[in-house]
Amino acid sequence: MGAPAERSVLLVVCGGIAAYKALELARRLREHGMRVRPVLTAAGARFVTPMALQALCGERVSGDLFSLTEESEMGHIALSRSSDLIVVCPATADILARMAAGLADDLATTLLLATDTPVLVAPAMNVRMWEHPATQANVATLRARGVAFVGPEHGLMACNETGPGRLAEPEAILAAILCQLDEDKPLSGYTALVTAGPTHEPVDPVRYLANRSSGTQGYAIATALAQAGATVTLVSGPTTLPDPPGVTTIRVETARDMLDACQQALPCDIAICAAAVADWHVAPSAQKIKKTADSTPPVLHLVPNPDILATLSQPSPNRPRLVIGFAAETEHVLAHATAKRLRKGCDWMVANDVSPATGIMGGRENEIILIDNAGSAHWPRLDKLQVAHRLVARIAAFLHPAQAKPDGLQT
């Protein structure tokens, strides 16, 4: 039996300050054994050099539509059909507009128009440019034509503005590429339910009870599950994160909404409750609660919210084969999380220390303890997407013990 065929990506690097991240993406793709053929636009060459791109890709950089050498053999046609996937990173507002309009005035747009290869774009631009109706119309047009998107993310950009428009991190783009290429699908045929983010429990029309969860870990888990081949439903509380590629995302607000959406997503094989669900709600006031000079603070009568994790863990015909909960603790992490696993009835518990000094809640990294019936394993501090991939690898090993690969962690 021969070695598997090398997968090939055509990487189109456009102009934008985020172009430097395309170099890291190229390196990561090469680490995954892929051939990376680079195309650099004229604007892109103002931010990264052809030499740097060529060194990281190990391939000659293309950029000239009118190259006598390349075009003597119809180079733009050959390039457009030479790879398994075309990735545009960063995808500026300009190239999205030219792709939507079907323009072909340079090598990048010409090969994108001449291709029947799947295309994945990673947008990056100023928040106002991303939110402009023209850009959103172009995105809708490209999505309707089958172009896949990863990002943009919400965050601080080089222009010192904050909002959606930041290029997705190389790890997230890599995950989307692997998903598009159908690489290594140990969870193919399985269905998964993931909850993520906070819940907002209204107090009145303008106030609510909530917590500091960003939803990043849950979204990363949904992404990793989809990459592994699972059919994923993500039930998300209010976040600023874009929908993960290849995932059905259901947006909710309250804990009761989240439970309803989870129950509608059953049956499934895997349930991962990563959401930071509010423990209580109140009967909200129909009008804004007013503060007056002589008024006393209002008394909020807290009512327990439904316990989503415990409900999904109860024995029933629809109980998932594997139910995983999260325990965000600020002290005695292992003891509290171990007791919580037994109390809720779930199979595994993912515990982490969310004390303010750790920077974990709302941050990009996580440090977890995985607890199951056999004991516990302390994982090193990792990027949340790396945590997600390790967790998915453990899930695959649980479901397919004969195919399990050692991950270097001791339980």
Protein backbone atom coordinates (compact mmCIF):
# COMPACT_ATOMS: atom_id res chain seq x y z
CA MET A 1 0.00 0.00 0.00
CA GLY A 2 1.57 3.28 -1.12
CA ALA A 3 2.02 6.45 0.89
CA PRO A 4 -0.92 8.87 0.91
CA ALA A 5 -0.82 11.53 -1.79
CA GLU A 6 0.62 14.88 -0.74
CA ARG A 7 -2.08 17.49 -0.27
CA SER A 8 -1.49 20.83 -1.98
CA VAL A 9 -2.62 24.35 -1.08
CA LEU A 10 -2.35 27.42 -3.28
CA LEU A 11 -1.79 30.33 -0.88
CA VAL A 12 -2.75 33.76 -2.21
CA VAL A 13 -1.27 36.51 -0.03
CA CYS A 14 -2.89 39.93 -0.47
CA GLY A 15 -2.01 43.40 0.78
CA GLY A 16 -2.72 44.21 4.41
CA ILE A 17 -0.82 44.55 7.67
CA ALA A 18 -2.02 41.05 8.64
CA ALA A 19 -0.09 39.55 5.70
CA TYR A 20 2.73 38.63 8.07
CA LYS A 21 0.49 35.95 9.58
CA ALA A 22 0.40 34.22 6.19
CA LEU A 23 4.07 33.34 6.75
CA GLU A 24 3.21 31.51 9.97
CA LEU A 25 0.31 29.80 8.20
CA ALA A 26 2.64 28.60 5.46
CA ARG A 27 5.01 27.18 8.05
CA ARG A 28 2.19 25.34 9.82
CA LEU A 29 0.90 23.89 6.55
CA ARG A 30 4.37 22.58 5.72
CA GLU A 31 4.55 21.00 9.19
CA HIS A 32 1.37 19.11 8.27
CA GLY A 33 3.12 17.67 5.21
CA MET A 34 1.37 19.85 2.65
CA ARG A 35 2.78 21.40 -0.47
CA VAL A 36 2.25 25.17 -0.37
CA ARG A 37 2.42 27.08 -3.66
CA PRO A 38 2.50 30.85 -2.99
CA VAL A 39 0.96 33.67 -5.02
CA LEU A 40 1.83 37.20 -3.89
CA THR A 41 -0.13 40.21 -5.10
CA ALA A 42 1.57 43.53 -5.80
CA ALA A 43 0.00 44.99 -2.66
CA GLY A 44 0.95 41.93 -0.64
CA ALA A 45 4.60 42.39 -1.63
CA ARG A 46 4.55 45.72 0.22
CA PHE A 47 4.04 43.85 3.50
CA VAL A 48 5.94 40.55 3.07
CA THR A 49 8.85 39.82 0.77
CA PRO A 50 8.84 37.18 -1.96
CA MET A 51 12.07 35.81 -0.45
CA ALA A 52 10.47 35.21 2.96
CA LEU A 53 7.42 33.57 1.40
CA GLN A 54 9.55 31.39 -0.87
CA ALA A 55 11.79 30.31 2.03
CA LEU A 56 8.82 29.19 4.16
CA CYS A 57 6.89 27.55 1.32
CA GLY A 58 9.87 25.97 -0.41
CA GLU A 59 8.29 26.95 -3.75
CA ARG A 60 8.80 29.70 -6.30
CA VAL A 61 6.54 32.69 -5.68
CA SER A 62 4.16 33.61 -8.51
CA GLY A 63 2.77 37.10 -8.97
CA ASP A 64 3.07 38.29 -12.57
CA LEU A 65 0.09 37.67 -14.84
CA PHE A 66 2.22 38.66 -17.83
CA SER A 67 5.30 36.54 -17.11
CA LEU A 68 6.62 35.40 -20.48
CA THR A 69 8.04 32.25 -18.91
CA GLU A 70 4.97 31.16 -16.95
CA GLU A 71 2.29 32.34 -19.35
CA SER A 72 3.89 30.61 -22.31
CA GLU A 73 2.28 27.54 -20.75
CA MET A 74 -0.88 29.34 -19.54
CA GLY A 75 0.51 29.58 -16.01
CA HIS A 76 -2.61 31.10 -14.46
CA ILE A 77 -4.72 28.16 -15.67
CA ALA A 78 -2.18 25.63 -14.41
CA LEU A 79 -1.94 27.35 -11.04
CA SER A 80 -5.70 27.58 -10.64
CA ARG A 81 -6.08 23.82 -10.98
CA SER A 82 -2.84 22.58 -9.46
CA SER A 83 -3.93 22.38 -5.82
CA ASP A 84 -6.57 20.75 -3.65
CA LEU A 85 -7.57 24.08 -2.10
CA ILE A 86 -7.00 27.78 -2.78
CA VAL A 87 -6.57 29.89 0.38
CA VAL A 88 -6.72 33.69 0.23
CA CYS A 89 -4.98 35.08 3.32
CA PRO A 90 -5.39 37.85 4.16
CA ALA A 91 -8.48 38.52 2.07
CA THR A 92 -8.85 42.29 1.86
CA ALA A 93 -12.05 44.19 1.11
CA ASP A 94 -10.59 44.88 -2.32
CA ILE A 95 -10.04 41.27 -3.36
CA LEU A 96 -13.43 40.23 -1.96
CA ALA A 97 -15.03 42.91 -4.15
CA ARG A 98 -13.06 41.83 -7.23
CA MET A 99 -13.88 38.16 -6.63
CA ALA A 100 -17.58 38.97 -6.27
CA ALA A 101 -17.53 41.06 -9.45
CA GLY A 102 -15.62 38.41 -11.43
CA LEU A 103 -12.73 40.72 -12.27
CA ALA A 104 -9.46 39.31 -13.59
CA ASP A 105 -6.93 42.13 -13.68
CA ASP A 106 -3.98 40.44 -11.97
CA LEU A 107 -2.69 36.91 -11.44
CA ALA A 108 -4.61 36.34 -8.17
CA THR A 109 -8.04 37.34 -9.49
CA THR A 110 -7.44 35.64 -12.83
CA LEU A 111 -6.63 32.27 -11.28
CA LEU A 112 -9.56 32.63 -8.85
CA LEU A 113 -11.89 33.20 -11.80
CA ALA A 114 -10.39 30.33 -13.79
CA THR A 115 -10.58 27.72 -11.04
CA ASP A 116 -13.01 24.98 -10.15
CA THR A 117 -10.97 24.19 -7.01
CA PRO A 118 -12.57 24.91 -3.59
CA VAL A 119 -11.70 28.35 -2.22
CA LEU A 120 -11.28 29.40 1.43
CA VAL A 121 -10.83 33.07 2.33
CA ALA A 122 -9.62 34.60 5.61
CA PRO A 123 -10.81 38.22 5.66
CA ALA A 124 -8.84 41.00 7.38
CA MET A 125 -9.72 44.68 7.27
CA ASN A 126 -10.82 47.70 9.28
CA VAL A 127 -14.06 47.15 11.19
CA ARG A 128 -15.90 49.83 9.20
CA MET A 129 -14.81 48.24 5.93
CA TRP A 130 -15.99 44.81 7.10
CA GLU A 131 -19.34 46.15 8.27
CA HIS A 132 -19.93 48.28 5.15
CA PRO A 133 -23.00 47.10 3.20
CA ALA A 134 -20.90 46.70 0.04
CA THR A 135 -18.51 44.28 1.76
CA GLN A 136 -21.33 42.35 3.40
CA ALA A 137 -23.07 42.05 0.00
CA ASN A 138 -19.84 40.76 -1.55
CA VAL A 139 -19.45 38.22 1.27
CA ALA A 140 -23.03 37.03 0.78
CA THR A 141 -22.43 36.66 -2.95
CA LEU A 142 -19.26 34.63 -2.45
CA ARG A 143 -20.87 32.42 0.19
CA ALA A 144 -23.74 31.72 -2.20
CA ARG A 145 -21.16 30.62 -4.78
CA GLY A 146 -19.65 28.14 -2.34
CA VAL A 147 -16.63 30.13 -1.13
CA ALA A 148 -15.81 29.19 2.47
CA PHE A 149 -14.86 31.76 5.12
CA VAL A 150 -12.82 31.60 8.31
CA GLY A 151 -13.13 34.72 10.47
CA PRO A 152 -12.75 37.57 10.77
CA GLU A 153 -12.31 37.72 14.52
CA HIS A 154 -13.31 40.48 16.92
CA GLY A 155 -10.42 42.35 18.50
CA LEU A 156 -7.95 45.23 18.48
CA MET A 157 -6.51 45.95 15.04
CA ALA A 158 -3.45 47.79 13.76
CA CYS A 159 -5.57 50.89 13.17
CA ASN A 160 -6.28 50.96 16.95
CA GLU A 161 -9.97 50.28 16.39
CA THR A 162 -11.73 47.31 17.96
CA GLY A 163 -14.40 45.15 16.38
CA PRO A 164 -14.87 42.43 13.76
CA GLY A 165 -12.23 42.53 11.04
CA ARG A 166 -9.15 41.03 12.67
CA LEU A 167 -7.57 38.15 10.73
CA ALA A 168 -8.25 34.77 12.29
CA GLU A 169 -5.22 33.29 14.02
CA PRO A 170 -3.10 30.86 11.96
CA GLU A 171 -4.28 27.94 14.15
CA ALA A 172 -7.91 28.70 13.30
CA ILE A 173 -7.15 29.07 9.59
CA LEU A 174 -5.19 25.81 9.65
CA ALA A 175 -8.15 24.06 11.28
CA ALA A 176 -10.48 25.39 8.57
CA ILE A 177 -8.06 24.23 5.86
CA LEU A 178 -7.83 20.73 7.32
CA CYS A 179 -11.62 20.63 7.53
CA GLN A 180 -11.89 21.63 3.86
CA LEU A 181 -9.32 19.02 2.84
CA ASP A 182 -11.10 16.28 4.76
CA GLU A 183 -7.89 15.34 6.57
CA ASP A 184 -7.95 12.63 9.27
CA LYS A 185 -11.62 12.26 10.24
CA PRO A 186 -11.71 9.94 13.28
CA LEU A 187 -15.17 11.25 14.27
CA SER A 188 -16.77 10.92 10.86
CA GLY A 189 -20.32 9.67 11.30
CA TYR A 190 -20.62 10.98 14.87
CA THR A 191 -22.84 13.85 16.01
CA ALA A 192 -21.77 16.34 18.65
CA LEU A 193 -23.44 19.07 20.69
CA VAL A 194 -21.35 21.90 22.16
CA THR A 195 -22.47 24.76 24.38
CA ALA A 196 -20.36 27.92 24.59
CA GLY A 197 -20.25 31.46 25.89
CA PRO A 198 -22.17 33.10 28.72
CA THR A 199 -25.90 33.40 29.13
CA HIS A 200 -27.60 36.76 29.68
CA GLU A 201 -30.44 36.77 32.20
CA PRO A 202 -32.52 39.96 31.81
CA VAL A 203 -33.18 42.15 34.84
CA ASP A 204 -35.05 44.80 32.85
CA PRO A 205 -34.98 45.91 29.17
CA VAL A 206 -31.42 47.30 29.48
CA ARG A 207 -29.73 45.22 32.21
CA TYR A 208 -28.86 41.57 32.63
CA LEU A 209 -26.93 39.11 34.81
CA ALA A 210 -23.93 37.57 33.05
CA ASN A 211 -20.28 36.57 33.44
CA ARG A 212 -16.96 37.21 31.71
CA SER A 213 -16.92 34.17 29.40
CA SER A 214 -15.88 34.98 25.81
CA GLY A 215 -16.94 31.62 24.35
CA THR A 216 -13.48 31.10 22.82
CA GLN A 217 -12.89 27.62 24.29
CA GLY A 218 -16.31 26.29 23.29
CA TYR A 219 -15.98 27.66 19.76
CA ALA A 220 -12.52 26.10 19.47
CA ILE A 221 -13.93 22.73 20.55
CA ALA A 222 -16.73 22.97 17.97
CA THR A 223 -14.12 23.78 15.31
CA ALA A 224 -11.90 20.84 16.29
CA LEU A 225 -14.84 18.42 16.34
CA ALA A 226 -15.90 19.52 12.85
CA GLN A 227 -12.33 19.13 11.63
CA ALA A 228 -12.34 15.59 13.02
CA GLY A 229 -15.42 14.81 10.90
CA ALA A 230 -18.23 15.14 13.45
CA THR A 231 -21.55 16.75 12.59
CA VAL A 232 -21.56 19.57 15.12
CA THR A 233 -24.31 21.73 16.60
CA LEU A 234 -22.99 24.70 18.59
CA VAL A 235 -25.47 26.33 20.99
CA SER A 236 -23.95 29.69 21.85
CA GLY A 237 -24.83 32.39 24.30
CA PRO A 238 -24.12 36.02 23.32
CA THR A 239 -20.55 36.39 21.96
CA THR A 240 -18.72 38.46 19.37
CA LEU A 241 -17.14 35.37 17.77
CA PRO A 242 -17.86 34.37 14.14
CA ASP A 243 -19.61 31.07 13.48
CA PRO A 244 -17.04 28.24 13.25
CA PRO A 245 -16.65 26.80 9.73
CA GLY A 246 -18.63 23.63 9.04
CA VAL A 247 -20.70 23.96 12.24
CA THR A 248 -24.43 24.58 12.72
CA THR A 249 -24.57 27.49 15.18
CA ILE A 250 -27.69 28.30 17.20
CA ARG A 251 -27.61 31.64 19.02
CA VAL A 252 -29.49 31.93 22.32
CA GLU A 253 -29.61 34.39 25.20
CA THR A 254 -30.80 32.78 28.45
CA ALA A 255 -30.09 29.48 30.19
CA ARG A 256 -33.66 28.35 29.50
CA ASP A 257 -33.19 29.13 25.80
CA MET A 258 -29.94 27.15 25.85
CA LEU A 259 -31.54 24.09 27.44
CA ASP A 260 -34.38 24.14 24.90
CA ALA A 261 -31.90 24.33 22.00
CA CYS A 262 -29.81 21.49 23.47
CA GLN A 263 -32.82 19.22 23.88
CA GLN A 264 -33.87 19.92 20.30
CA ALA A 265 -30.36 18.91 19.15
CA LEU A 266 -30.70 15.44 20.70
CA PRO A 267 -30.01 12.65 20.07
CA CYS A 268 -26.26 13.00 19.63
CA ASP A 269 -23.17 10.93 20.39
CA ILE A 270 -21.10 13.57 22.21
CA ALA A 271 -22.17 16.51 24.37
CA ILE A 272 -19.64 19.06 25.62
CA CYS A 273 -21.03 21.71 27.97
CA ALA A 274 -18.41 24.44 27.81
CA ALA A 275 -20.84 27.34 28.31
CA ALA A 276 -20.62 29.41 31.48
CA VAL A 277 -24.33 29.26 32.22
CA ALA A 278 -25.75 31.71 34.76
CA ASP A 279 -26.89 29.83 37.87
CA TRP A 280 -29.87 32.10 38.51
CA HIS A 281 -32.38 34.32 36.76
CA VAL A 282 -34.91 36.88 37.90
CA ALA A 283 -38.39 37.82 36.81
CA PRO A 284 -37.44 40.81 34.62
CA SER A 285 -39.15 44.16 34.95
CA ALA A 286 -41.11 45.22 31.88
CA GLN A 287 -39.65 48.73 32.18
CA LYS A 288 -36.23 50.02 33.10
CA ILE A 289 -35.78 50.06 36.88
CA LYS A 290 -35.29 53.74 37.72
CA LYS A 291 -32.94 55.14 40.30
CA THR A 292 -34.26 58.12 42.23
CA ALA A 293 -32.66 60.29 44.91
CA ASP A 294 -34.62 58.71 47.75
CA SER A 295 -35.02 55.18 46.38
CA THR A 296 -33.50 52.12 47.98
CA PRO A 297 -31.73 49.50 45.84
CA PRO A 298 -34.19 47.04 44.30
CA VAL A 299 -34.37 43.54 45.72
CA LEU A 300 -33.71 40.88 43.09
CA HIS A 301 -35.40 37.57 43.82
CA LEU A 302 -33.08 34.97 42.27
CA VAL A 303 -34.57 31.77 40.88
CA PRO A 304 -32.34 28.78 39.97
CA ASN A 305 -31.79 28.20 36.27
CA PRO A 306 -32.19 24.72 34.80
CA ASP A 307 -29.05 22.60 35.09
CA ILE A 308 -28.15 21.84 31.48
CA LEU A 309 -25.21 19.53 32.21
CA ALA A 310 -27.13 17.48 34.79
CA THR A 311 -30.14 17.25 32.46
CA LEU A 312 -28.04 15.95 29.54
CA SER A 313 -26.26 13.50 31.88
CA GLN A 314 -29.44 11.86 33.18
CA PRO A 315 -29.98 8.25 32.03
CA SER A 316 -32.42 8.29 29.12
CA PRO A 317 -32.73 6.87 25.60
CA ASN A 318 -31.35 10.18 24.26
CA ARG A 319 -28.39 10.46 26.65
CA PRO A 320 -25.21 11.05 24.64
CA ARG A 321 -22.64 8.30 24.78
CA LEU A 322 -20.10 10.77 26.19
CA VAL A 323 -21.07 13.85 28.24
CA ILE A 324 -18.31 16.30 29.17
CA GLY A 325 -18.75 19.22 31.55
CA PHE A 326 -16.62 22.23 32.41
CA ALA A 327 -15.83 23.46 35.92
CA ALA A 328 -14.54 27.03 36.18
CA GLU A 329 -13.12 27.34 39.68
CA THR A 330 -11.15 29.93 41.66
CA GLU A 331 -9.94 27.68 44.50
CA HIS A 332 -9.48 23.96 45.29
CA VAL A 333 -9.91 23.33 41.56
CA LEU A 334 -9.42 19.56 41.51
CA ALA A 335 -11.55 18.88 44.60
CA HIS A 336 -14.44 21.08 43.51
CA ALA A 337 -14.40 19.77 39.92
CA THR A 338 -14.24 16.13 41.04
CA ALA A 339 -17.24 16.64 43.30
CA LYS A 340 -19.07 18.46 40.50
CA ARG A 341 -18.55 15.55 38.07
CA LEU A 342 -20.14 13.13 40.55
CA ARG A 343 -22.96 15.53 41.38
CA LYS A 344 -23.86 16.22 37.74
CA GLY A 345 -23.47 12.62 36.55
CA CYS A 346 -21.32 13.46 33.51
CA ASP A 347 -18.55 11.22 32.20
CA TRP A 348 -15.66 13.69 32.08
CA MET A 349 -15.06 17.07 33.69
CA VAL A 350 -12.70 19.70 32.31
CA ALA A 351 -11.56 21.89 35.20
CA ASN A 352 -9.68 25.16 35.07
CA ASP A 353 -8.62 27.95 37.40
CA VAL A 354 -10.34 31.17 36.28
CA SER A 355 -8.96 33.40 39.04
CA PRO A 356 -8.36 36.91 37.61
CA ALA A 357 -4.58 36.49 37.83
CA THR A 358 -4.64 33.53 35.42
CA GLY A 359 -6.14 35.54 32.54
CA ILE A 360 -7.94 32.39 31.36
CA MET A 361 -11.56 33.60 31.36
CA GLY A 362 -11.80 35.77 28.24
CA GLY A 363 -8.18 35.03 27.25
CA ARG A 364 -6.62 33.02 24.42
CA GLU A 365 -5.00 30.29 26.54
CA ASN A 366 -6.23 27.65 28.95
CA GLU A 367 -4.74 25.28 31.51
CA ILE A 368 -6.97 22.38 32.36
CA ILE A 369 -7.31 19.27 34.47
CA LEU A 370 -9.21 16.47 32.71
CA ILE A 371 -11.11 14.31 35.21
CA ASP A 372 -12.74 10.97 34.44
CA ASN A 373 -13.68 7.83 36.31
CA ALA A 374 -10.05 6.65 36.34
CA GLY A 375 -8.44 9.79 37.73
CA SER A 376 -7.16 13.13 36.51
CA ALA A 377 -4.62 14.52 34.05
CA HIS A 378 -3.10 18.00 34.34
CA TRP A 379 -2.48 19.50 30.90
CA PRO A 380 0.09 22.25 30.31
CA ARG A 381 -1.02 25.79 29.49
CA LEU A 382 -1.92 25.86 25.80
CA ASP A 383 -3.69 27.97 23.22
CA LYS A 384 -7.42 27.22 23.49
CA LEU A 385 -7.51 25.72 19.98
CA GLN A 386 -4.67 23.38 20.96
CA VAL A 387 -6.65 22.39 24.07
CA ALA A 388 -9.61 21.69 21.81
CA HIS A 389 -7.60 19.45 19.49
CA ARG A 390 -6.17 17.49 22.42
CA LEU A 391 -9.64 17.04 23.89
CA VAL A 392 -10.99 15.84 20.54
CA ALA A 393 -8.07 13.40 20.27
CA ARG A 394 -9.02 11.99 23.68
CA ILE A 395 -12.65 11.71 22.60
CA ALA A 396 -11.62 9.82 19.45
CA ALA A 397 -9.44 7.50 21.57
CA PHE A 398 -12.41 6.86 23.90
CA LEU A 399 -14.71 6.03 20.99
CA HIS A 400 -12.06 4.00 19.10
CA PRO A 401 -9.77 2.54 21.80
CA ALA A 402 -8.09 0.14 19.35
CA GLN A 403 -6.94 3.12 17.22
CA ALA A 404 -5.87 5.34 20.11
CA LYS A 405 -2.57 7.18 19.72
CA PRO A 406 -0.51 8.18 22.78
CA ASP A 407 -0.67 11.89 23.45
CA GLY A 408 2.14 12.05 25.96
CA LEU A 409 -0.19 12.80 28.87
CA GLN A 410 -0.55 10.63 31.91
CA THR A 411 -3.83 10.01 33.66
